[in-house]
Amino acid sequence: MAFPERGKSFDVLVIGGGINGCGLARDAAGRGWSVFLCEKGDLAGATSSASTKLIHGGLRYLEYYHFHLVRQALLEREVLWAIAPHIIRPLRFVLPHHKGLRPAWLLRLGLFLYDHIGGRRLLPATRTLDLRKHVAGQPLKPEYALAFEYSDCWVEDARLVVLNARDAADRGAVIAARTRCLSGRRENGEWLLRLRDERSGEEGEVRGRTLVNASGPWVGEVLRLVLGVEAPAPVRLVKGSHIVVRRLYSHDRCYIFQNADRRIFFAIPFEHDFTLIGTTDIDYEGEPGDPKATEAEIRYLCDGASEYFRAPVTPETVVWTYSGVRPLYDDGASEARAATRDYVLKLDAPAGEAPLLNAFGGKVTTYRRLAEAALAMLAPSLPAASRGAGWTRREPLPGGNFKVDGFDALLTGLRAHYPFLAPATLERLARAYGTRAEAVLGGAKAMADLGRIFGADLSEAELRHLAANEWALTADDVLWRRSKLGLRLSAAEAAELDAFMRSLPAAREAAE
């Protein structure tokens, strides 16, 4: 990247390009503050692309009396759906009653609270299902006769991160992906960060009035080793692993299952042809950037799914796994599954010195609320904002400027403009880019106008768009974060794609 000119100072510096860092950068830039964000790898390169991909209140957290967290998350569901209806959509969840586990009356009570404490307006309410007659019962074993169906939402988590970063950049923020913060210190009432471009090896400096440490599972490491500051709160690293198998059922609902150990897990329709199953919750002590699903975790999820589905799920049926490490605030919970998912913000602001704000924990669902709370804490140290808090709940993310019930109309318009594209391709592009899909396809009149096809329906035109506008550099950036086309490309195709992406330096710099 080209480092800022010497002597330039930003209002807000952010370390970390996950959902919390990018969401905060967007909010701050939209209020008129100058923002610089650095991320040592790809945006959403770790925890933020390894979630269960749900915008939800967290039904199970009611069991631990985390009512504030659940209510706050429930209030956000329809807000986020409204600002990003291309990458967020409603999803109905089926919770079968398992005799011998939580009683039916307790499930009904929990779902009554879930329906009524979170300002639900558009999402359908809970209802009871007779699985002997309902389509949701067809793939399940016959002993499951009673179920409850309720609403939450699905989200393309990595795209949510990138779209927040894109909007922040459109509003003037500098988004420096693959830029590592080597060190930081307070100097003359500001923070001075030493940075290194991980591609070129070039080093530079950046100054700012305030600093936000939103480095996810590295939050403690950044404090100790980069900033030389004592951690203000303990961090509990918890790993969640997921498996993906070929599609287990034909309908569009998600299942939420109970295990005998009282954990819950989901089975979710995924990328049309697959089913996503997860997650686990185990304490983690390894390198946060390289978690892997263990054989024991894979077996645990397979065994759990096989308890419910007629067709057995075995490790041999797994086509992909992924894992993420959650940086939770250590509240002393005895089990990883019981540790709070709420965010905790700690401000370090000695008199007369530049403030440092550290973000611990949090959920994808509450990222926007975290950003508002963080900026409220930093505001006394910043110039007067040109815009007040709350603007991010009203203005759409890039490509999301249509109504929540307007996706079919958007898709119809794209079909009229690009009749040569397969319906599945148009739907994928509309889901990924929304109203900006035409920026990807341009004035193409035939497939040849989109350039080379690298596998599946991935065109050169789309790759150039991702490099120029979404900070994509490698095949992994494209196949596993900007999309999930890695499920469809061969290793040889992915290698050719990677070589092509690395040949686009000029376009790549345009995103910065």
Protein backbone atom coordinates (compact mmCIF):
# COMPACT_ATOMS: atom_id res chain seq x y z
CA MET A 1 0.00 0.00 0.00
CA ALA A 2 0.99 3.64 -0.29
CA PHE A 3 1.44 4.86 3.27
CA PRO A 4 -0.16 8.21 4.24
CA GLU A 5 1.96 11.27 3.64
CA ARG A 6 4.31 12.08 6.46
CA GLY A 7 2.74 14.22 9.17
CA LYS A 8 -0.86 13.27 8.35
CA SER A 9 -2.89 12.37 11.41
CA PHE A 10 -6.17 10.47 11.49
CA ASP A 11 -8.98 10.82 13.97
CA VAL A 12 -9.43 7.07 14.43
CA LEU A 13 -6.90 4.28 13.91
CA VAL A 14 -8.20 0.71 13.86
CA ILE A 15 -6.21 -2.50 14.15
CA GLY A 16 -8.22 -5.42 12.79
CA GLY A 17 -10.21 -6.02 9.61
CA GLY A 18 -12.93 -8.29 10.95
CA ILE A 19 -16.57 -7.37 11.38
CA ASN A 20 -16.01 -5.21 14.47
CA GLY A 21 -13.11 -3.26 12.98
CA CYS A 22 -14.74 -2.70 9.58
CA GLY A 23 -18.12 -1.88 11.13
CA LEU A 24 -16.50 0.71 13.38
CA ALA A 25 -14.51 2.16 10.46
CA ARG A 26 -17.71 2.57 8.46
CA ASP A 27 -19.58 4.26 11.31
CA ALA A 28 -16.71 6.63 12.10
CA ALA A 29 -16.12 7.59 8.46
CA GLY A 30 -19.82 8.25 8.01
CA ARG A 31 -19.71 10.72 10.89
CA GLY A 32 -17.01 12.71 9.15
CA TRP A 33 -14.00 11.45 11.09
CA SER A 34 -10.84 10.44 9.26
CA VAL A 35 -10.15 6.72 9.63
CA PHE A 36 -7.22 4.41 8.98
CA LEU A 37 -7.70 0.65 9.34
CA CYS A 38 -4.94 -1.92 9.06
CA GLU A 39 -5.36 -5.70 8.82
CA LYS A 40 -2.38 -8.05 8.66
CA GLY A 41 -4.17 -10.50 6.34
CA ASP A 42 -7.30 -10.49 4.23
CA LEU A 43 -10.45 -8.77 5.45
CA ALA A 44 -12.60 -11.29 7.35
CA GLY A 45 -9.62 -13.61 7.14
CA ALA A 46 -10.19 -15.28 10.50
CA THR A 47 -13.12 -15.40 12.95
CA SER A 48 -15.46 -13.19 10.91
CA SER A 49 -15.60 -15.65 8.01
CA ALA A 50 -15.88 -18.72 10.27
CA SER A 51 -19.22 -18.11 11.97
CA THR A 52 -22.39 -20.20 11.65
CA LYS A 53 -23.54 -17.36 9.35
CA LEU A 54 -26.61 -16.39 11.32
CA ILE A 55 -28.10 -13.07 12.34
CA HIS A 56 -29.85 -14.27 15.46
CA GLY A 57 -30.62 -13.51 19.06
CA GLY A 58 -29.15 -16.75 20.28
CA LEU A 59 -32.01 -18.81 21.66
CA ARG A 60 -29.73 -20.89 23.85
CA TYR A 61 -28.38 -17.81 25.67
CA LEU A 62 -31.75 -17.44 27.38
CA GLU A 63 -30.84 -20.58 29.30
CA TYR A 64 -27.90 -18.71 30.83
CA TYR A 65 -30.06 -15.66 31.63
CA HIS A 66 -28.23 -13.47 29.10
CA PHE A 67 -31.44 -11.54 28.45
CA HIS A 68 -29.71 -8.25 27.60
CA LEU A 69 -27.53 -9.90 24.95
CA VAL A 70 -30.47 -11.75 23.43
CA ARG A 71 -32.69 -8.67 23.34
CA GLN A 72 -29.95 -6.50 21.84
CA ALA A 73 -29.26 -9.10 19.15
CA LEU A 74 -32.95 -9.63 18.40
CA LEU A 75 -33.43 -5.90 17.92
CA GLU A 76 -30.65 -5.92 15.32
CA ARG A 77 -32.06 -8.69 13.11
CA GLU A 78 -34.50 -6.59 11.10
CA VAL A 79 -32.19 -3.56 11.15
CA LEU A 80 -29.42 -5.51 9.44
CA TRP A 81 -31.84 -7.26 7.09
CA ALA A 82 -33.09 -3.84 5.95
CA ILE A 83 -29.63 -2.43 5.17
CA ALA A 84 -28.30 -5.56 3.45
CA PRO A 85 -31.22 -7.55 1.98
CA HIS A 86 -28.97 -9.11 -0.66
CA ILE A 87 -26.64 -10.88 1.78
CA ILE A 88 -29.12 -11.23 4.67
CA ARG A 89 -32.42 -13.07 4.37
CA PRO A 90 -35.02 -14.60 6.71
CA LEU A 91 -34.68 -18.22 7.69
CA ARG A 92 -37.15 -20.47 9.48
CA PHE A 93 -35.68 -22.71 12.20
CA VAL A 94 -37.20 -26.05 13.18
CA LEU A 95 -36.54 -27.20 16.75
CA PRO A 96 -37.63 -30.83 17.22
CA HIS A 97 -38.66 -31.89 20.70
CA HIS A 98 -36.29 -34.60 21.95
CA LYS A 99 -37.83 -36.69 24.68
CA GLY A 100 -35.55 -36.88 27.69
CA LEU A 101 -33.89 -33.51 27.04
CA ARG A 102 -35.46 -30.06 27.51
CA PRO A 103 -39.21 -30.44 28.11
CA ALA A 104 -41.69 -29.06 25.57
CA TRP A 105 -43.04 -26.47 28.01
CA LEU A 106 -39.54 -25.02 28.46
CA LEU A 107 -39.04 -24.77 24.70
CA ARG A 108 -42.40 -23.02 24.34
CA LEU A 109 -41.52 -20.56 27.10
CA GLY A 110 -38.13 -19.77 25.56
CA LEU A 111 -39.65 -19.19 22.14
CA PHE A 112 -42.41 -17.01 23.61
CA LEU A 113 -39.71 -14.77 25.10
CA TYR A 114 -37.75 -14.90 21.85
CA ASP A 115 -40.78 -13.70 19.91
CA HIS A 116 -41.68 -10.86 22.26
CA ILE A 117 -38.53 -9.25 23.72
CA GLY A 118 -36.83 -8.23 20.50
CA GLY A 119 -39.11 -5.92 18.53
CA ARG A 120 -40.02 -8.46 15.85
CA ARG A 121 -42.13 -6.77 13.15
CA LEU A 122 -41.59 -8.48 9.80
CA LEU A 123 -40.26 -11.90 10.74
CA PRO A 124 -42.95 -14.58 11.20
CA ALA A 125 -43.77 -15.75 14.72
CA THR A 126 -43.22 -19.15 16.29
CA ARG A 127 -45.62 -21.98 15.50
CA THR A 128 -45.95 -25.63 16.46
CA LEU A 129 -45.35 -28.35 13.84
CA ASP A 130 -46.60 -31.91 13.59
CA LEU A 131 -43.55 -33.54 12.02
CA ARG A 132 -45.63 -36.57 10.99
CA LYS A 133 -47.44 -34.33 8.50
CA HIS A 134 -45.06 -31.44 7.80
CA VAL A 135 -42.31 -31.44 5.16
CA ALA A 136 -39.75 -30.67 7.90
CA GLY A 137 -40.35 -34.11 9.35
CA GLN A 138 -39.55 -36.04 6.17
CA PRO A 139 -35.74 -36.22 6.56
CA LEU A 140 -35.95 -36.89 10.31
CA LYS A 141 -36.29 -40.17 12.15
CA PRO A 142 -39.90 -41.11 12.90
CA GLU A 143 -39.56 -40.74 16.68
CA TYR A 144 -39.48 -36.95 16.25
CA ALA A 145 -43.15 -35.99 16.05
CA LEU A 146 -43.32 -32.53 17.65
CA ALA A 147 -41.34 -29.42 16.70
CA PHE A 148 -41.42 -25.65 17.01
CA GLU A 149 -40.64 -23.32 14.10
CA TYR A 150 -39.32 -19.79 14.64
CA SER A 151 -37.48 -17.06 12.74
CA ASP A 152 -33.97 -15.69 12.53
CA CYS A 153 -31.80 -14.65 9.55
CA TRP A 154 -28.96 -15.95 7.41
CA VAL A 155 -25.94 -13.79 6.50
CA GLU A 156 -22.98 -14.10 4.18
CA ASP A 157 -20.60 -13.21 7.02
CA ALA A 158 -17.40 -12.46 5.08
CA ARG A 159 -19.30 -10.34 2.57
CA LEU A 160 -20.84 -8.37 5.43
CA VAL A 161 -17.30 -7.48 6.52
CA VAL A 162 -16.14 -6.51 3.02
CA LEU A 163 -19.23 -4.40 2.34
CA ASN A 164 -18.69 -2.48 5.57
CA ALA A 165 -15.09 -1.89 4.51
CA ARG A 166 -16.16 -0.84 1.01
CA ASP A 167 -18.66 1.66 2.39
CA ALA A 168 -16.07 2.99 4.85
CA ALA A 169 -13.63 3.51 1.97
CA ASP A 170 -16.31 5.18 -0.13
CA ARG A 171 -16.75 7.62 2.76
CA GLY A 172 -13.05 8.41 2.92
CA ALA A 173 -11.54 5.76 5.20
CA VAL A 174 -8.20 4.20 4.31
CA ILE A 175 -8.55 0.39 4.40
CA ALA A 176 -5.08 -1.16 4.45
CA ALA A 177 -5.47 -4.92 4.04
CA ARG A 178 -2.34 -7.07 4.36
CA THR A 179 -0.70 -4.36 6.43
CA ARG A 180 0.69 -5.52 9.77
CA CYS A 181 1.02 -3.25 12.79
CA LEU A 182 4.55 -3.89 14.06
CA SER A 183 4.48 -1.57 17.06
CA GLY A 184 2.64 1.33 18.55
CA ARG A 185 3.31 3.99 21.16
CA ARG A 186 1.85 7.17 22.51
CA GLU A 187 3.71 10.25 21.42
CA ASN A 188 2.79 13.95 21.76
CA GLY A 189 -0.85 13.22 22.51
CA GLU A 190 -1.27 10.81 19.61
CA TRP A 191 -0.77 7.18 18.75
CA LEU A 192 2.13 6.41 16.42
CA LEU A 193 1.92 3.03 14.69
CA ARG A 194 4.74 1.37 12.80
CA LEU A 195 3.36 -0.65 9.85
CA ARG A 196 4.62 -3.12 7.28
CA ASP A 197 3.06 -3.95 3.92
CA GLU A 198 3.02 -7.75 3.97
CA ARG A 199 3.27 -7.93 0.17
CA SER A 200 6.14 -5.58 -0.56
CA GLY A 201 7.88 -5.51 2.83
CA GLU A 202 7.75 -1.70 2.78
CA GLU A 203 7.46 -0.09 6.21
CA GLY A 204 5.86 3.19 7.21
CA GLU A 205 4.12 5.07 10.00
CA VAL A 206 0.69 6.40 10.71
CA ARG A 207 -0.53 8.76 13.44
CA GLY A 208 -3.92 9.16 15.06
CA ARG A 209 -5.83 10.83 17.87
CA THR A 210 -7.41 7.56 19.03
CA LEU A 211 -6.70 3.85 18.59
CA VAL A 212 -9.09 0.90 18.54
CA ASN A 213 -7.78 -2.61 19.06
CA ALA A 214 -10.34 -4.77 17.24
CA SER A 215 -7.94 -7.59 16.43
CA GLY A 216 -10.27 -10.39 17.47
CA PRO A 217 -8.48 -13.43 18.89
CA TRP A 218 -5.21 -11.49 18.73
CA VAL A 219 -6.54 -8.71 21.01
CA GLY A 220 -4.37 -9.77 23.94
CA GLU A 221 -1.31 -10.38 21.76
CA VAL A 222 -1.59 -6.93 20.16
CA LEU A 223 -1.82 -5.34 23.59
CA ARG A 224 1.20 -7.11 25.04
CA LEU A 225 3.54 -7.54 22.10
CA VAL A 226 2.64 -4.66 19.77
CA LEU A 227 1.47 -1.86 22.02
CA GLY A 228 3.29 -2.81 25.21
CA VAL A 229 0.15 -2.37 27.30
CA GLU A 230 -1.11 -4.64 30.04
CA ALA A 231 -4.33 -6.41 29.06
CA PRO A 232 -7.29 -4.81 30.91
CA ALA A 233 -9.40 -7.98 30.78
CA PRO A 234 -8.82 -11.71 30.43
CA VAL A 235 -9.55 -13.30 27.06
CA ARG A 236 -11.00 -16.78 26.61
CA LEU A 237 -10.36 -18.29 23.21
CA VAL A 238 -13.13 -20.69 22.18
CA LYS A 239 -13.01 -22.67 18.94
CA GLY A 240 -16.11 -23.41 16.90
CA SER A 241 -15.88 -25.93 14.05
CA HIS A 242 -18.33 -26.68 11.24
CA ILE A 243 -18.70 -29.41 8.65
CA VAL A 244 -20.30 -29.28 5.19
CA VAL A 245 -21.90 -32.32 3.56
CA ARG A 246 -23.95 -32.90 0.43
CA ARG A 247 -27.53 -31.68 0.75
CA LEU A 248 -29.45 -33.74 3.30
CA TYR A 249 -32.95 -32.51 2.49
CA SER A 250 -34.83 -30.56 -0.16
CA HIS A 251 -36.77 -27.90 1.78
CA ASP A 252 -35.42 -24.47 2.75
CA ARG A 253 -35.62 -24.62 6.55
CA CYS A 254 -32.83 -24.83 9.07
CA TYR A 255 -32.80 -27.28 11.98
CA ILE A 256 -31.66 -26.51 15.50
CA PHE A 257 -30.91 -29.75 17.34
CA GLN A 258 -30.24 -30.57 20.99
CA ASN A 259 -27.47 -32.94 22.01
CA ALA A 260 -27.47 -35.13 25.10
CA ASP A 261 -24.67 -32.94 26.55
CA ARG A 262 -27.15 -30.00 26.38
CA ARG A 263 -25.26 -28.25 23.59
CA ILE A 264 -27.18 -27.25 20.49
CA PHE A 265 -26.09 -27.29 16.86
CA PHE A 266 -27.57 -26.31 13.50
CA ALA A 267 -28.13 -27.98 10.13
CA ILE A 268 -28.57 -25.29 7.49
CA PRO A 269 -29.16 -25.30 3.71
CA PHE A 270 -25.87 -24.11 2.23
CA GLU A 271 -24.95 -22.97 -1.28
CA HIS A 272 -27.94 -24.83 -2.80
CA ASP A 273 -26.26 -28.24 -2.98
CA PHE A 274 -24.92 -28.64 0.55
CA THR A 275 -25.85 -28.70 4.23
CA LEU A 276 -23.81 -26.83 6.85
CA ILE A 277 -23.65 -28.44 10.31
CA GLY A 278 -22.20 -26.77 13.41
CA THR A 279 -20.91 -25.60 15.72
CA THR A 280 -18.69 -26.98 18.45
CA ASP A 281 -17.60 -25.00 21.51
CA ILE A 282 -14.23 -25.94 22.97
CA ASP A 283 -11.49 -23.96 24.68
CA TYR A 284 -8.55 -23.26 22.41
CA GLU A 285 -4.88 -22.65 23.11
CA GLY A 286 -3.25 -22.81 19.67
CA GLU A 287 -2.42 -20.20 17.04
CA PRO A 288 -5.64 -18.19 16.48
CA GLY A 289 -5.04 -17.87 12.76
CA ASP A 290 -4.84 -21.57 11.97
CA PRO A 291 -7.60 -23.51 13.76
CA LYS A 292 -8.63 -26.85 12.31
CA ALA A 293 -11.61 -29.10 12.93
CA THR A 294 -10.27 -32.12 14.78
CA GLU A 295 -11.34 -35.70 14.09
CA ALA A 296 -13.16 -35.65 17.43
CA GLU A 297 -15.12 -32.51 16.49
CA ILE A 298 -16.03 -33.90 13.08
CA ARG A 299 -17.21 -37.14 14.68
CA TYR A 300 -19.16 -35.19 17.32
CA LEU A 301 -21.08 -33.23 14.67
CA CYS A 302 -21.65 -36.30 12.52
CA ASP A 303 -22.95 -38.30 15.47
CA GLY A 304 -25.20 -35.45 16.55
CA ALA A 305 -26.71 -35.10 13.08
CA SER A 306 -27.14 -38.87 12.76
CA GLU A 307 -29.18 -38.84 15.97
CA TYR A 308 -31.87 -36.89 14.08
CA PHE A 309 -31.58 -37.55 10.34
CA ARG A 310 -32.77 -40.80 8.75
CA ALA A 311 -29.72 -40.84 6.48
CA PRO A 312 -26.54 -41.27 8.57
CA VAL A 313 -23.94 -38.49 8.47
CA THR A 314 -20.40 -39.87 8.66
CA PRO A 315 -16.91 -38.34 8.39
CA GLU A 316 -16.68 -39.87 4.92
CA THR A 317 -19.58 -37.68 3.75
CA VAL A 318 -17.88 -34.43 4.80
CA VAL A 319 -16.73 -32.32 1.83
CA TRP A 320 -15.36 -29.31 3.73
CA THR A 321 -14.67 -28.16 7.27
CA TYR A 322 -13.84 -24.79 8.75
CA SER A 323 -13.06 -23.47 12.22
CA GLY A 324 -12.91 -20.09 13.90
CA VAL A 325 -11.63 -18.83 17.23
CA ARG A 326 -13.88 -16.50 19.21
CA PRO A 327 -12.15 -14.00 21.52
CA LEU A 328 -14.59 -14.05 24.43
CA TYR A 329 -14.41 -11.96 27.55
CA ASP A 330 -13.56 -14.43 30.31
CA ASP A 331 -16.51 -14.22 32.67
CA GLY A 332 -15.42 -17.25 34.68
CA ALA A 333 -17.94 -19.64 33.11
CA SER A 334 -16.93 -23.22 33.76
CA GLU A 335 -17.71 -24.37 30.20
CA ALA A 336 -16.89 -22.79 26.87
CA ARG A 337 -20.52 -23.03 25.71
CA ALA A 338 -21.64 -20.98 28.74
CA ALA A 339 -19.15 -18.10 28.34
CA THR A 340 -20.77 -14.80 27.43
CA ARG A 341 -20.91 -13.82 23.74
CA ASP A 342 -21.62 -10.20 24.64
CA TYR A 343 -19.01 -7.62 23.69
CA VAL A 344 -16.94 -5.86 26.34
CA LEU A 345 -15.23 -2.52 25.63
CA LYS A 346 -12.34 -1.37 27.78
CA LEU A 347 -11.04 2.21 27.47
CA ASP A 348 -7.44 3.04 28.43
CA ALA A 349 -7.26 6.85 28.53
CA PRO A 350 -4.66 8.25 30.93
CA ALA A 351 -5.00 12.00 31.50
CA GLY A 352 -3.45 13.98 28.68
CA GLU A 353 -2.67 10.92 26.55
CA ALA A 354 -4.26 9.43 23.46
CA PRO A 355 -6.99 6.91 24.28
CA LEU A 356 -6.88 3.21 23.44
CA LEU A 357 -10.13 1.25 23.17
CA ASN A 358 -10.03 -2.56 23.28
CA ALA A 359 -12.91 -4.68 21.98
CA PHE A 360 -13.43 -8.13 23.47
CA GLY A 361 -15.94 -10.69 22.25
CA GLY A 362 -19.11 -9.80 20.42
CA LYS A 363 -21.27 -11.46 17.76
CA VAL A 364 -21.71 -10.78 14.06
CA THR A 365 -25.28 -9.78 14.89
CA THR A 366 -24.27 -6.99 17.28
CA TYR A 367 -21.31 -5.52 15.39
CA ARG A 368 -23.17 -2.31 14.54
CA ARG A 369 -24.16 -1.75 18.17
CA LEU A 370 -20.58 -2.38 19.25
CA ALA A 371 -19.37 0.30 16.83
CA GLU A 372 -21.86 2.83 18.20
CA ALA A 373 -20.88 2.07 21.80
CA ALA A 374 -17.17 2.28 20.99
CA LEU A 375 -17.47 5.63 19.22
CA ALA A 376 -19.54 7.03 22.08
CA MET A 377 -16.58 6.28 24.36
CA LEU A 378 -14.07 7.86 21.95
CA ALA A 379 -16.17 10.89 20.97
CA PRO A 380 -14.88 13.19 23.77
CA SER A 381 -11.38 12.84 22.28
CA LEU A 382 -12.48 13.54 18.70
CA PRO A 383 -13.53 16.66 16.75
CA ALA A 384 -17.21 17.45 16.54
CA ALA A 385 -18.90 14.91 14.26
CA SER A 386 -20.71 16.06 11.12
CA ARG A 387 -23.34 13.41 11.73
CA GLY A 388 -24.80 11.82 14.84
CA ALA A 389 -24.92 8.25 16.05
CA GLY A 390 -27.46 5.88 14.58
CA TRP A 391 -26.98 6.63 10.90
CA THR A 392 -25.80 3.07 10.14
CA ARG A 393 -29.21 1.65 11.02
CA ARG A 394 -30.80 3.63 8.19
CA GLU A 395 -28.39 3.69 5.26
CA PRO A 396 -27.89 0.52 3.18
CA LEU A 397 -24.62 -1.23 2.67
CA PRO A 398 -23.28 -1.29 -0.91
CA GLY A 399 -25.74 -3.11 -3.14
CA GLY A 400 -28.45 -3.18 -0.50
CA ASN A 401 -30.48 -0.19 -1.65
CA PHE A 402 -33.72 -2.08 -2.24
CA LYS A 403 -36.57 -3.19 0.00
CA VAL A 404 -36.42 -6.45 1.93
CA ASP A 405 -39.14 -7.86 -0.32
CA GLY A 406 -37.52 -6.56 -3.49
CA PHE A 407 -35.02 -9.30 -4.28
CA ASP A 408 -37.23 -10.98 -6.88
CA ALA A 409 -37.68 -7.65 -8.69
CA LEU A 410 -33.93 -7.10 -8.65
CA LEU A 411 -33.37 -10.55 -10.10
CA THR A 412 -36.01 -10.00 -12.78
CA GLY A 413 -34.24 -6.81 -13.86
CA LEU A 414 -30.90 -8.58 -14.12
CA ARG A 415 -32.45 -11.35 -16.20
CA ALA A 416 -33.79 -8.77 -18.63
CA HIS A 417 -30.39 -7.09 -18.97
CA TYR A 418 -28.32 -10.28 -19.12
CA PRO A 419 -30.50 -13.02 -20.67
CA PHE A 420 -27.43 -15.02 -21.72
CA LEU A 421 -26.53 -15.84 -18.10
CA ALA A 422 -27.86 -18.96 -16.38
CA PRO A 423 -30.52 -18.31 -13.72
CA ALA A 424 -28.29 -19.80 -11.01
CA THR A 425 -25.44 -17.45 -11.97
CA LEU A 426 -27.69 -14.40 -11.90
CA GLU A 427 -29.04 -15.38 -8.50
CA ARG A 428 -25.54 -15.86 -7.11
CA LEU A 429 -24.42 -12.47 -8.41
CA ALA A 430 -27.56 -10.75 -7.13
CA ARG A 431 -27.08 -12.29 -3.70
CA ALA A 432 -23.43 -11.28 -3.58
CA TYR A 433 -23.58 -7.78 -5.07
CA GLY A 434 -27.23 -6.70 -4.96
CA THR A 435 -27.82 -3.59 -7.05
CA ARG A 436 -24.09 -3.43 -7.80
CA ALA A 437 -24.22 -6.64 -9.83
CA GLU A 438 -24.40 -4.48 -12.95
CA ALA A 439 -21.04 -2.98 -11.97
CA VAL A 440 -19.62 -6.50 -12.17
CA LEU A 441 -21.28 -7.40 -15.47
CA GLY A 442 -21.06 -4.00 -17.14
CA GLY A 443 -22.33 -3.81 -20.69
CA ALA A 444 -21.80 -7.49 -21.45
CA LYS A 445 -24.06 -8.83 -24.20
CA ALA A 446 -22.67 -12.38 -24.32
CA MET A 447 -20.55 -14.72 -22.20
CA ALA A 448 -17.48 -13.83 -24.27
CA ASP A 449 -17.74 -10.24 -23.02
CA LEU A 450 -17.05 -11.43 -19.44
CA GLY A 451 -13.67 -12.87 -20.38
CA ARG A 452 -12.22 -16.14 -19.28
CA ILE A 453 -14.25 -18.52 -17.07
CA PHE A 454 -12.05 -19.98 -14.33
CA GLY A 455 -14.43 -22.72 -13.21
CA ALA A 456 -18.06 -22.95 -12.18
CA ASP A 457 -19.45 -19.56 -13.31
CA LEU A 458 -16.53 -17.41 -12.08
CA SER A 459 -15.59 -14.93 -14.81
CA GLU A 460 -12.62 -12.69 -15.41
CA ALA A 461 -14.94 -9.68 -15.19
CA GLU A 462 -16.00 -10.65 -11.67
CA LEU A 463 -12.40 -11.26 -10.61
CA ARG A 464 -11.30 -7.86 -11.84
CA HIS A 465 -14.16 -6.29 -9.92
CA LEU A 466 -13.15 -8.11 -6.73
CA ALA A 467 -9.52 -7.06 -7.10
CA ALA A 468 -10.35 -3.44 -7.84
CA ASN A 469 -13.16 -2.94 -5.32
CA GLU A 470 -13.03 -5.61 -2.62
CA TRP A 471 -9.33 -6.06 -1.76
CA ALA A 472 -9.22 -9.61 -3.15
CA LEU A 473 -5.66 -10.75 -3.86
CA THR A 474 -5.56 -14.55 -3.85
CA ALA A 475 -7.68 -17.50 -4.86
CA ASP A 476 -8.62 -18.11 -1.22
CA ASP A 477 -9.90 -14.53 -0.92
CA VAL A 478 -12.26 -15.17 -3.82
CA LEU A 479 -13.20 -18.81 -3.27
CA TRP A 480 -13.73 -18.89 0.48
CA ARG A 481 -14.47 -15.31 1.58
CA ARG A 482 -15.89 -13.22 -1.29
CA SER A 483 -17.79 -16.37 -2.30
CA LYS A 484 -17.95 -20.09 -1.48
CA LEU A 485 -17.05 -21.20 -4.99
CA GLY A 486 -14.20 -23.18 -3.47
CA LEU A 487 -16.79 -25.93 -3.09
CA ARG A 488 -17.07 -26.12 -6.88
CA LEU A 489 -13.58 -25.50 -8.32
CA SER A 490 -10.90 -28.18 -8.65
CA ALA A 491 -7.43 -27.75 -7.19
CA ALA A 492 -6.04 -27.13 -10.69
CA GLU A 493 -8.66 -24.46 -11.39
CA ALA A 494 -7.95 -22.79 -8.04
CA ALA A 495 -4.21 -22.70 -8.83
CA GLU A 496 -4.85 -21.03 -12.20
CA LEU A 497 -7.15 -18.55 -10.51
CA ASP A 498 -4.53 -17.73 -7.89
CA ALA A 499 -1.92 -17.00 -10.58
CA PHE A 500 -4.37 -14.72 -12.36
CA MET A 501 -5.29 -12.82 -9.20
CA ARG A 502 -1.65 -12.18 -8.37
CA SER A 503 -1.16 -10.70 -11.84
CA LEU A 504 -3.49 -7.79 -11.10
CA PRO A 505 -1.38 -5.32 -9.04
CA ALA A 506 -2.69 -2.15 -10.68
CA ALA A 507 -6.33 -3.11 -10.21
CA ARG A 508 -5.65 -4.24 -6.67
CA GLU A 509 -4.23 -0.89 -5.67
CA ALA A 510 -7.40 0.82 -6.91
CA ALA A 511 -9.23 -0.52 -3.84
CA GLU A 512 -6.90 1.42 -1.60
